[in-house]
Amino acid sequence: MAEFVKPAYLAFLLVIVVPGVAGGILAANRARNFVGWSILCAVFPIFLLVIYFHKPLREVEGKFWKCRSCGEFLKWREEACRYCGAPRA
């Protein structure tokens, strides 16, 4: 069984596939292009940090909501805006 799993395949999986899939999932949760960010994160894993700290493009059901008063994006579980104090509509 050990001769089927070569170290080159494991390195490919850890270095290319895992960051690519993680970047795609993060991008999809922020209403961004899954395929584009997957490829970018697979080639340059530092972009995982970029997409993690990037604001979403629009409201994402179950992930982010936009404050009606100040326009900031907040996590879905927050009931009021932490910037202006307005409740979620």
PDB file of N, CA and C in Angstrom:
ATOM      1  N   MET A   1       0.826  -1.192   0.000  1.00  0.00           N
ATOM      2  CA  MET A   1       0.000   0.000   0.000  1.00  0.00           C
ATOM      3  C   MET A   1       0.870   1.255   0.000  1.00  0.00           C
ATOM      4  N   ALA A   2       2.006   1.211   0.634  1.00  0.00           N
ATOM      5  CA  ALA A   2       2.863   2.391   0.752  1.00  0.00           C
ATOM      6  C   ALA A   2       3.470   2.800  -0.577  1.00  0.00           C
ATOM      7  N   GLU A   3       3.608   1.871  -1.515  1.00  0.00           N
ATOM      8  CA  GLU A   3       4.207   2.233  -2.797  1.00  0.00           C
ATOM      9  C   GLU A   3       3.262   3.048  -3.679  1.00  0.00           C
ATOM     10  N   PHE A   4       1.972   3.137  -3.339  1.00  0.00           N
ATOM     11  CA  PHE A   4       1.036   3.941  -4.105  1.00  0.00           C
ATOM     12  C   PHE A   4       1.097   5.413  -3.727  1.00  0.00           C
ATOM     13  N   VAL A   5       1.455   5.718  -2.499  1.00  0.00           N
ATOM     14  CA  VAL A   5       1.525   7.097  -2.035  1.00  0.00           C
ATOM     15  C   VAL A   5       2.980   7.546  -2.102  1.00  0.00           C
ATOM     16  N   LYS A   6       3.288   8.310  -3.126  1.00  0.00           N
ATOM     17  CA  LYS A   6       4.643   8.808  -3.289  1.00  0.00           C
ATOM     18  C   LYS A   6       4.761  10.186  -2.653  1.00  0.00           C
ATOM     19  N   PRO A   7       5.932  10.533  -2.153  1.00  0.00           N
ATOM     20  CA  PRO A   7       6.103  11.848  -1.526  1.00  0.00           C
ATOM     21  C   PRO A   7       5.792  13.016  -2.468  1.00  0.00           C
ATOM     22  N   ALA A   8       6.012  12.843  -3.757  1.00  0.00           N
ATOM     23  CA  ALA A   8       5.709  13.924  -4.700  1.00  0.00           C
ATOM     24  C   ALA A   8       4.208  14.209  -4.746  1.00  0.00           C
ATOM     25  N   TYR A   9       3.380  13.171  -4.648  1.00  0.00           N
ATOM     26  CA  TYR A   9       1.936  13.367  -4.648  1.00  0.00           C
ATOM     27  C   TYR A   9       1.477  14.065  -3.374  1.00  0.00           C
ATOM     28  N   LEU A  10       2.061  13.694  -2.272  1.00  0.00           N
ATOM     29  CA  LEU A  10       1.717  14.317  -1.006  1.00  0.00           C
ATOM     30  C   LEU A  10       2.129  15.784  -0.998  1.00  0.00           C
ATOM     31  N   ALA A  11       3.303  16.088  -1.519  1.00  0.00           N
ATOM     32  CA  ALA A  11       3.755  17.479  -1.594  1.00  0.00           C
ATOM     33  C   ALA A  11       2.843  18.287  -2.510  1.00  0.00           C
ATOM     34  N   PHE A  12       2.447  17.707  -3.637  1.00  0.00           N
ATOM     35  CA  PHE A  12       1.524  18.385  -4.548  1.00  0.00           C
ATOM     36  C   PHE A  12       0.211  18.694  -3.844  1.00  0.00           C
ATOM     37  N   LEU A  13      -0.294  17.735  -3.095  1.00  0.00           N
ATOM     38  CA  LEU A  13      -1.552  17.921  -2.387  1.00  0.00           C
ATOM     39  C   LEU A  13      -1.447  19.032  -1.352  1.00  0.00           C
ATOM     40  N   LEU A  14      -0.393  19.027  -0.564  1.00  0.00           N
ATOM     41  CA  LEU A  14      -0.258  20.000   0.514  1.00  0.00           C
ATOM     42  C   LEU A  14       0.099  21.393   0.031  1.00  0.00           C
ATOM     43  N   VAL A  15       0.876  21.494  -1.029  1.00  0.00           N
ATOM     44  CA  VAL A  15       1.368  22.796  -1.470  1.00  0.00           C
ATOM     45  C   VAL A  15       0.440  23.460  -2.486  1.00  0.00           C
ATOM     46  N   ILE A  16      -0.241  22.706  -3.306  1.00  0.00           N
ATOM     47  CA  ILE A  16      -1.056  23.281  -4.370  1.00  0.00           C
ATOM     48  C   ILE A  16      -2.556  23.140  -4.095  1.00  0.00           C
ATOM     49  N   VAL A  17      -3.011  21.951  -3.831  1.00  0.00           N
ATOM     50  CA  VAL A  17      -4.448  21.693  -3.758  1.00  0.00           C
ATOM     51  C   VAL A  17      -5.088  22.293  -2.507  1.00  0.00           C
ATOM     52  N   VAL A  18      -4.490  22.109  -1.356  1.00  0.00           N
ATOM     53  CA  VAL A  18      -5.090  22.590  -0.108  1.00  0.00           C
ATOM     54  C   VAL A  18      -5.236  24.107  -0.100  1.00  0.00           C
ATOM     55  N   PRO A  19      -4.192  24.895  -0.417  1.00  0.00           N
ATOM     56  CA  PRO A  19      -4.398  26.350  -0.467  1.00  0.00           C
ATOM     57  C   PRO A  19      -5.386  26.780  -1.549  1.00  0.00           C
ATOM     58  N   GLY A  20      -5.413  26.074  -2.663  1.00  0.00           N
ATOM     59  CA  GLY A  20      -6.350  26.414  -3.723  1.00  0.00           C
ATOM     60  C   GLY A  20      -7.797  26.225  -3.306  1.00  0.00           C
ATOM     61  N   VAL A  21      -8.090  25.111  -2.697  1.00  0.00           N
ATOM     62  CA  VAL A  21      -9.458  24.844  -2.242  1.00  0.00           C
ATOM     63  C   VAL A  21      -9.837  25.783  -1.103  1.00  0.00           C
ATOM     64  N   ALA A  22      -8.929  26.014  -0.176  1.00  0.00           N
ATOM     65  CA  ALA A  22      -9.218  26.926   0.938  1.00  0.00           C
ATOM     66  C   ALA A  22      -9.476  28.343   0.431  1.00  0.00           C
ATOM     67  N   GLY A  23      -8.688  28.804  -0.511  1.00  0.00           N
ATOM     68  CA  GLY A  23      -8.896  30.132  -1.080  1.00  0.00           C
ATOM     69  C   GLY A  23     -10.208  30.240  -1.816  1.00  0.00           C
ATOM     70  N   GLY A  24     -10.586  29.197  -2.531  1.00  0.00           N
ATOM     71  CA  GLY A  24     -11.867  29.196  -3.230  1.00  0.00           C
ATOM     72  C   GLY A  24     -13.052  29.241  -2.280  1.00  0.00           C
ATOM     73  N   ILE A  25     -12.965  28.513  -1.199  1.00  0.00           N
ATOM     74  CA  ILE A  25     -14.051  28.510  -0.217  1.00  0.00           C
ATOM     75  C   ILE A  25     -14.164  29.868   0.464  1.00  0.00           C
ATOM     76  N   LEU A  26     -13.028  30.444   0.845  1.00  0.00           N
ATOM     77  CA  LEU A  26     -13.053  31.777   1.449  1.00  0.00           C
ATOM     78  C   LEU A  26     -13.640  32.798   0.479  1.00  0.00           C
ATOM     79  N   ALA A  27     -13.266  32.716  -0.790  1.00  0.00           N
ATOM     80  CA  ALA A  27     -13.778  33.646  -1.789  1.00  0.00           C
ATOM     81  C   ALA A  27     -15.279  33.478  -1.985  1.00  0.00           C
ATOM     82  N   ALA A  28     -15.751  32.257  -2.055  1.00  0.00           N
ATOM     83  CA  ALA A  28     -17.180  32.018  -2.233  1.00  0.00           C
ATOM     84  C   ALA A  28     -17.983  32.546  -1.051  1.00  0.00           C
ATOM     85  N   ASN A  29     -17.435  32.460   0.144  1.00  0.00           N
ATOM     86  CA  ASN A  29     -18.113  32.990   1.324  1.00  0.00           C
ATOM     87  C   ASN A  29     -18.157  34.507   1.327  1.00  0.00           C
ATOM     88  N   ARG A  30     -17.340  35.146   0.502  1.00  0.00           N
ATOM     89  CA  ARG A  30     -17.316  36.604   0.401  1.00  0.00           C
ATOM     90  C   ARG A  30     -17.876  37.082  -0.936  1.00  0.00           C
ATOM     91  N   ALA A  31     -18.660  36.247  -1.593  1.00  0.00           N
ATOM     92  CA  ALA A  31     -19.339  36.558  -2.859  1.00  0.00           C
ATOM     93  C   ALA A  31     -18.346  36.919  -3.951  1.00  0.00           C
ATOM     94  N   ARG A  32     -17.254  36.182  -4.023  1.00  0.00           N
ATOM     95  CA  ARG A  32     -16.242  36.405  -5.053  1.00  0.00           C
ATOM     96  C   ARG A  32     -16.092  35.142  -5.889  1.00  0.00           C
ATOM     97  N   ASN A  33     -15.317  35.218  -6.953  1.00  0.00           N
ATOM     98  CA  ASN A  33     -15.161  34.136  -7.916  1.00  0.00           C
ATOM     99  C   ASN A  33     -14.380  32.962  -7.314  1.00  0.00           C
ATOM    100  N   PHE A  34     -15.020  31.801  -7.219  1.00  0.00           N
ATOM    101  CA  PHE A  34     -14.405  30.615  -6.633  1.00  0.00           C
ATOM    102  C   PHE A  34     -13.197  30.144  -7.442  1.00  0.00           C
ATOM    103  N   VAL A  35     -13.360  30.011  -8.759  1.00  0.00           N
ATOM    104  CA  VAL A  35     -12.311  29.453  -9.613  1.00  0.00           C
ATOM    105  C   VAL A  35     -11.103  30.380  -9.681  1.00  0.00           C
ATOM    106  N   GLY A  36     -11.335  31.650  -9.881  1.00  0.00           N
ATOM    107  CA  GLY A  36     -10.230  32.605  -9.984  1.00  0.00           C
ATOM    108  C   GLY A  36      -9.388  32.671  -8.721  1.00  0.00           C
ATOM    109  N   TRP A  37     -10.055  32.755  -7.578  1.00  0.00           N
ATOM    110  CA  TRP A  37      -9.317  32.825  -6.318  1.00  0.00           C
ATOM    111  C   TRP A  37      -8.674  31.486  -5.975  1.00  0.00           C
ATOM    112  N   SER A  38      -9.275  30.383  -6.396  1.00  0.00           N
ATOM    113  CA  SER A  38      -8.652  29.069  -6.168  1.00  0.00           C
ATOM    114  C   SER A  38      -7.324  28.964  -6.902  1.00  0.00           C
ATOM    115  N   ILE A  39      -7.329  29.358  -8.166  1.00  0.00           N
ATOM    116  CA  ILE A  39      -6.090  29.307  -8.950  1.00  0.00           C
ATOM    117  C   ILE A  39      -5.053  30.254  -8.371  1.00  0.00           C
ATOM    118  N   LEU A  40      -5.471  31.459  -8.026  1.00  0.00           N
ATOM    119  CA  LEU A  40      -4.534  32.436  -7.471  1.00  0.00           C
ATOM    120  C   LEU A  40      -3.932  31.953  -6.156  1.00  0.00           C
ATOM    121  N   CYS A  41      -4.739  31.376  -5.285  1.00  0.00           N
ATOM    122  CA  CYS A  41      -4.238  30.886  -3.993  1.00  0.00           C
ATOM    123  C   CYS A  41      -3.407  29.614  -4.149  1.00  0.00           C
ATOM    124  N   ALA A  42      -3.683  28.819  -5.173  1.00  0.00           N
ATOM    125  CA  ALA A  42      -2.881  27.620  -5.403  1.00  0.00           C
ATOM    126  C   ALA A  42      -1.479  27.993  -5.866  1.00  0.00           C
ATOM    127  N   VAL A  43      -1.385  29.018  -6.714  1.00  0.00           N
ATOM    128  CA  VAL A  43      -0.084  29.441  -7.232  1.00  0.00           C
ATOM    129  C   VAL A  43       0.664  30.302  -6.220  1.00  0.00           C
ATOM    130  N   PHE A  44      -0.072  31.228  -5.571  1.00  0.00           N
ATOM    131  CA  PHE A  44       0.529  32.133  -4.584  1.00  0.00           C
ATOM    132  C   PHE A  44      -0.259  32.019  -3.279  1.00  0.00           C
ATOM    133  N   PRO A  45       0.128  31.140  -2.358  1.00  0.00           N
ATOM    134  CA  PRO A  45      -0.654  30.926  -1.125  1.00  0.00           C
ATOM    135  C   PRO A  45      -0.773  32.147  -0.219  1.00  0.00           C
ATOM    136  N   ILE A  46       0.056  33.156  -0.418  1.00  0.00           N
ATOM    137  CA  ILE A  46      -0.051  34.363   0.410  1.00  0.00           C
ATOM    138  C   ILE A  46      -1.394  35.060   0.190  1.00  0.00           C
ATOM    139  N   PHE A  47      -2.039  34.804  -0.952  1.00  0.00           N
ATOM    140  CA  PHE A  47      -3.331  35.414  -1.229  1.00  0.00           C
ATOM    141  C   PHE A  47      -4.438  34.860  -0.339  1.00  0.00           C
ATOM    142  N   LEU A  48      -4.174  33.802   0.406  1.00  0.00           N
ATOM    143  CA  LEU A  48      -5.130  33.350   1.421  1.00  0.00           C
ATOM    144  C   LEU A  48      -5.366  34.439   2.458  1.00  0.00           C
ATOM    145  N   LEU A  49      -4.318  35.129   2.837  1.00  0.00           N
ATOM    146  CA  LEU A  49      -4.466  36.237   3.789  1.00  0.00           C
ATOM    147  C   LEU A  49      -5.227  37.392   3.172  1.00  0.00           C
ATOM    148  N   VAL A  50      -4.978  37.653   1.904  1.00  0.00           N
ATOM    149  CA  VAL A  50      -5.667  38.752   1.226  1.00  0.00           C
ATOM    150  C   VAL A  50      -7.165  38.502   1.198  1.00  0.00           C
ATOM    151  N   ILE A  51      -7.577  37.334   0.779  1.00  0.00           N
ATOM    152  CA  ILE A  51      -9.010  37.049   0.690  1.00  0.00           C
ATOM    153  C   ILE A  51      -9.637  36.917   2.078  1.00  0.00           C
ATOM    154  N   TYR A  52      -8.875  36.475   3.065  1.00  0.00           N
ATOM    155  CA  TYR A  52      -9.416  36.352   4.418  1.00  0.00           C
ATOM    156  C   TYR A  52      -9.779  37.722   4.991  1.00  0.00           C
ATOM    157  N   PHE A  53      -8.945  38.724   4.747  1.00  0.00           N
ATOM    158  CA  PHE A  53      -9.182  40.048   5.303  1.00  0.00           C
ATOM    159  C   PHE A  53      -9.946  40.975   4.360  1.00  0.00           C
ATOM    160  N   HIS A  54     -10.311  40.499   3.184  1.00  0.00           N
ATOM    161  CA  HIS A  54     -11.021  41.315   2.209  1.00  0.00           C
ATOM    162  C   HIS A  54     -12.506  41.358   2.550  1.00  0.00           C
ATOM    163  N   LYS A  55     -13.143  42.515   2.348  1.00  0.00           N
ATOM    164  CA  LYS A  55     -14.572  42.638   2.602  1.00  0.00           C
ATOM    165  C   LYS A  55     -15.359  41.990   1.470  1.00  0.00           C
ATOM    166  N   PRO A  56     -16.557  41.515   1.755  1.00  0.00           N
ATOM    167  CA  PRO A  56     -17.374  40.919   0.694  1.00  0.00           C
ATOM    168  C   PRO A  56     -17.876  41.976  -0.286  1.00  0.00           C
ATOM    169  N   LEU A  57     -18.288  41.532  -1.462  1.00  0.00           N
ATOM    170  CA  LEU A  57     -18.829  42.439  -2.476  1.00  0.00           C
ATOM    171  C   LEU A  57     -20.280  42.814  -2.187  1.00  0.00           C
ATOM    172  N   ARG A  58     -21.020  41.889  -1.605  1.00  0.00           N
ATOM    173  CA  ARG A  58     -22.428  42.109  -1.298  1.00  0.00           C
ATOM    174  C   ARG A  58     -22.798  41.239  -0.101  1.00  0.00           C
ATOM    175  N   GLU A  59     -24.045  41.368   0.351  1.00  0.00           N
ATOM    176  CA  GLU A  59     -24.499  40.527   1.454  1.00  0.00           C
ATOM    177  C   GLU A  59     -24.496  39.063   1.027  1.00  0.00           C
ATOM    178  N   VAL A  60     -24.053  38.198   1.930  1.00  0.00           N
ATOM    179  CA  VAL A  60     -24.046  36.763   1.686  1.00  0.00           C
ATOM    180  C   VAL A  60     -24.895  36.123   2.775  1.00  0.00           C
ATOM    181  N   GLU A  61     -25.977  35.491   2.363  1.00  0.00           N
ATOM    182  CA  GLU A  61     -26.916  34.884   3.311  1.00  0.00           C
ATOM    183  C   GLU A  61     -26.205  33.892   4.225  1.00  0.00           C
ATOM    184  N   GLY A  62     -26.300  34.093   5.514  1.00  0.00           N
ATOM    185  CA  GLY A  62     -25.686  33.209   6.490  1.00  0.00           C
ATOM    186  C   GLY A  62     -24.228  33.526   6.787  1.00  0.00           C
ATOM    187  N   LYS A  63     -23.631  34.491   6.091  1.00  0.00           N
ATOM    188  CA  LYS A  63     -22.219  34.813   6.297  1.00  0.00           C
ATOM    189  C   LYS A  63     -22.011  36.276   6.692  1.00  0.00           C
ATOM    190  N   PHE A  64     -22.485  37.213   5.862  1.00  0.00           N
ATOM    191  CA  PHE A  64     -22.281  38.644   6.095  1.00  0.00           C
ATOM    192  C   PHE A  64     -23.568  39.418   5.814  1.00  0.00           C
ATOM    193  N   TRP A  65     -23.764  40.514   6.565  1.00  0.00           N
ATOM    194  CA  TRP A  65     -24.863  41.430   6.287  1.00  0.00           C
ATOM    195  C   TRP A  65     -24.315  42.839   6.276  1.00  0.00           C
ATOM    196  N   LYS A  66     -24.998  43.726   5.546  1.00  0.00           N
ATOM    197  CA  LYS A  66     -24.540  45.105   5.400  1.00  0.00           C
ATOM    198  C   LYS A  66     -25.402  46.019   6.261  1.00  0.00           C
ATOM    199  N   CYS A  67     -24.752  46.865   7.036  1.00  0.00           N
ATOM    200  CA  CYS A  67     -25.460  47.812   7.893  1.00  0.00           C
ATOM    201  C   CYS A  67     -26.186  48.832   7.015  1.00  0.00           C
ATOM    202  N   ARG A  68     -27.441  49.086   7.333  1.00  0.00           N
ATOM    203  CA  ARG A  68     -28.229  50.028   6.539  1.00  0.00           C
ATOM    204  C   ARG A  68     -27.834  51.470   6.826  1.00  0.00           C
ATOM    205  N   SER A  69     -27.221  51.743   7.973  1.00  0.00           N
ATOM    206  CA  SER A  69     -26.853  53.117   8.318  1.00  0.00           C
ATOM    207  C   SER A  69     -25.481  53.515   7.791  1.00  0.00           C
ATOM    208  N   CYS A  70     -24.461  52.731   8.120  1.00  0.00           N
ATOM    209  CA  CYS A  70     -23.093  53.131   7.773  1.00  0.00           C
ATOM    210  C   CYS A  70     -22.513  52.349   6.592  1.00  0.00           C
ATOM    211  N   GLY A  71     -23.152  51.249   6.187  1.00  0.00           N
ATOM    212  CA  GLY A  71     -22.695  50.508   5.017  1.00  0.00           C
ATOM    213  C   GLY A  71     -21.573  49.518   5.266  1.00  0.00           C
ATOM    214  N   GLU A  72     -21.185  49.288   6.501  1.00  0.00           N
ATOM    215  CA  GLU A  72     -20.129  48.313   6.812  1.00  0.00           C
ATOM    216  C   GLU A  72     -20.692  46.893   6.758  1.00  0.00           C
ATOM    217  N   PHE A  73     -19.835  45.951   6.376  1.00  0.00           N
ATOM    218  CA  PHE A  73     -20.218  44.539   6.370  1.00  0.00           C
ATOM    219  C   PHE A  73     -19.863  43.928   7.713  1.00  0.00           C
ATOM    220  N   LEU A  74     -20.793  43.147   8.255  1.00  0.00           N
ATOM    221  CA  LEU A  74     -20.623  42.524   9.565  1.00  0.00           C
ATOM    222  C   LEU A  74     -20.925  41.039   9.464  1.00  0.00           C
ATOM    223  N   LYS A  75     -20.391  40.275  10.402  1.00  0.00           N
ATOM    224  CA  LYS A  75     -20.674  38.842  10.457  1.00  0.00           C
ATOM    225  C   LYS A  75     -22.168  38.643  10.700  1.00  0.00           C
ATOM    226  N   TRP A  76     -22.696  37.559  10.174  1.00  0.00           N
ATOM    227  CA  TRP A  76     -24.126  37.290  10.225  1.00  0.00           C
ATOM    228  C   TRP A  76     -24.639  37.157  11.651  1.00  0.00           C
ATOM    229  N   ARG A  77     -23.830  36.645  12.549  1.00  0.00           N
ATOM    230  CA  ARG A  77     -24.294  36.409  13.926  1.00  0.00           C
ATOM    231  C   ARG A  77     -24.416  37.683  14.756  1.00  0.00           C
ATOM    232  N   GLU A  78     -23.863  38.791  14.303  1.00  0.00           N
ATOM    233  CA  GLU A  78     -23.959  40.049  15.042  1.00  0.00           C
ATOM    234  C   GLU A  78     -25.332  40.664  14.825  1.00  0.00           C
ATOM    235  N   GLU A  79     -25.984  41.030  15.907  1.00  0.00           N
ATOM    236  CA  GLU A  79     -27.344  41.565  15.830  1.00  0.00           C
ATOM    237  C   GLU A  79     -27.373  43.072  15.605  1.00  0.00           C
ATOM    238  N   ALA A  80     -26.317  43.770  15.995  1.00  0.00           N
ATOM    239  CA  ALA A  80     -26.251  45.222  15.816  1.00  0.00           C
ATOM    240  C   ALA A  80     -24.885  45.600  15.263  1.00  0.00           C
ATOM    241  N   CYS A  81     -24.837  46.727  14.580  1.00  0.00           N
ATOM    242  CA  CYS A  81     -23.590  47.200  13.999  1.00  0.00           C
ATOM    243  C   CYS A  81     -22.643  47.649  15.093  1.00  0.00           C
ATOM    244  N   ARG A  82     -21.398  47.201  15.035  1.00  0.00           N
ATOM    245  CA  ARG A  82     -20.430  47.584  16.063  1.00  0.00           C
ATOM    246  C   ARG A  82     -19.860  48.969  15.809  1.00  0.00           C
ATOM    247  N   TYR A  83     -20.113  49.545  14.643  1.00  0.00           N
ATOM    248  CA  TYR A  83     -19.598  50.866  14.306  1.00  0.00           C
ATOM    249  C   TYR A  83     -20.578  51.986  14.651  1.00  0.00           C
ATOM    250  N   CYS A  84     -21.868  51.778  14.292  1.00  0.00           N
ATOM    251  CA  CYS A  84     -22.856  52.832  14.544  1.00  0.00           C
ATOM    252  C   CYS A  84     -23.952  52.410  15.529  1.00  0.00           C
ATOM    253  N   GLY A  85     -24.034  51.137  15.855  1.00  0.00           N
ATOM    254  CA  GLY A  85     -25.019  50.647  16.828  1.00  0.00           C
ATOM    255  C   GLY A  85     -26.401  50.374  16.251  1.00  0.00           C
ATOM    256  N   ALA A  86     -26.580  50.496  14.951  1.00  0.00           N
ATOM    257  CA  ALA A  86     -27.886  50.254  14.343  1.00  0.00           C
ATOM    258  C   ALA A  86     -28.201  48.760  14.357  1.00  0.00           C
ATOM    259  N   PRO A  87     -29.453  48.393  14.673  1.00  0.00           N
ATOM    260  CA  PRO A  87     -29.818  46.965  14.667  1.00  0.00           C
ATOM    261  C   PRO A  87     -29.952  46.443  13.246  1.00  0.00           C
ATOM    262  N   ARG A  88     -29.844  45.125  13.125  1.00  0.00           N
ATOM    263  CA  ARG A  88     -30.012  44.494  11.810  1.00  0.00           C
ATOM    264  C   ARG A  88     -31.466  44.606  11.392  1.00  0.00           C
ATOM    265  N   ALA A  89     -31.701  45.019  10.165  1.00  0.00           N
ATOM    266  CA  ALA A  89     -33.084  45.211   9.674  1.00  0.00           C
ATOM    267  C   ALA A  89     -33.701  43.904   9.262  1.00  0.00           C
TER     268      ALA A  89
END
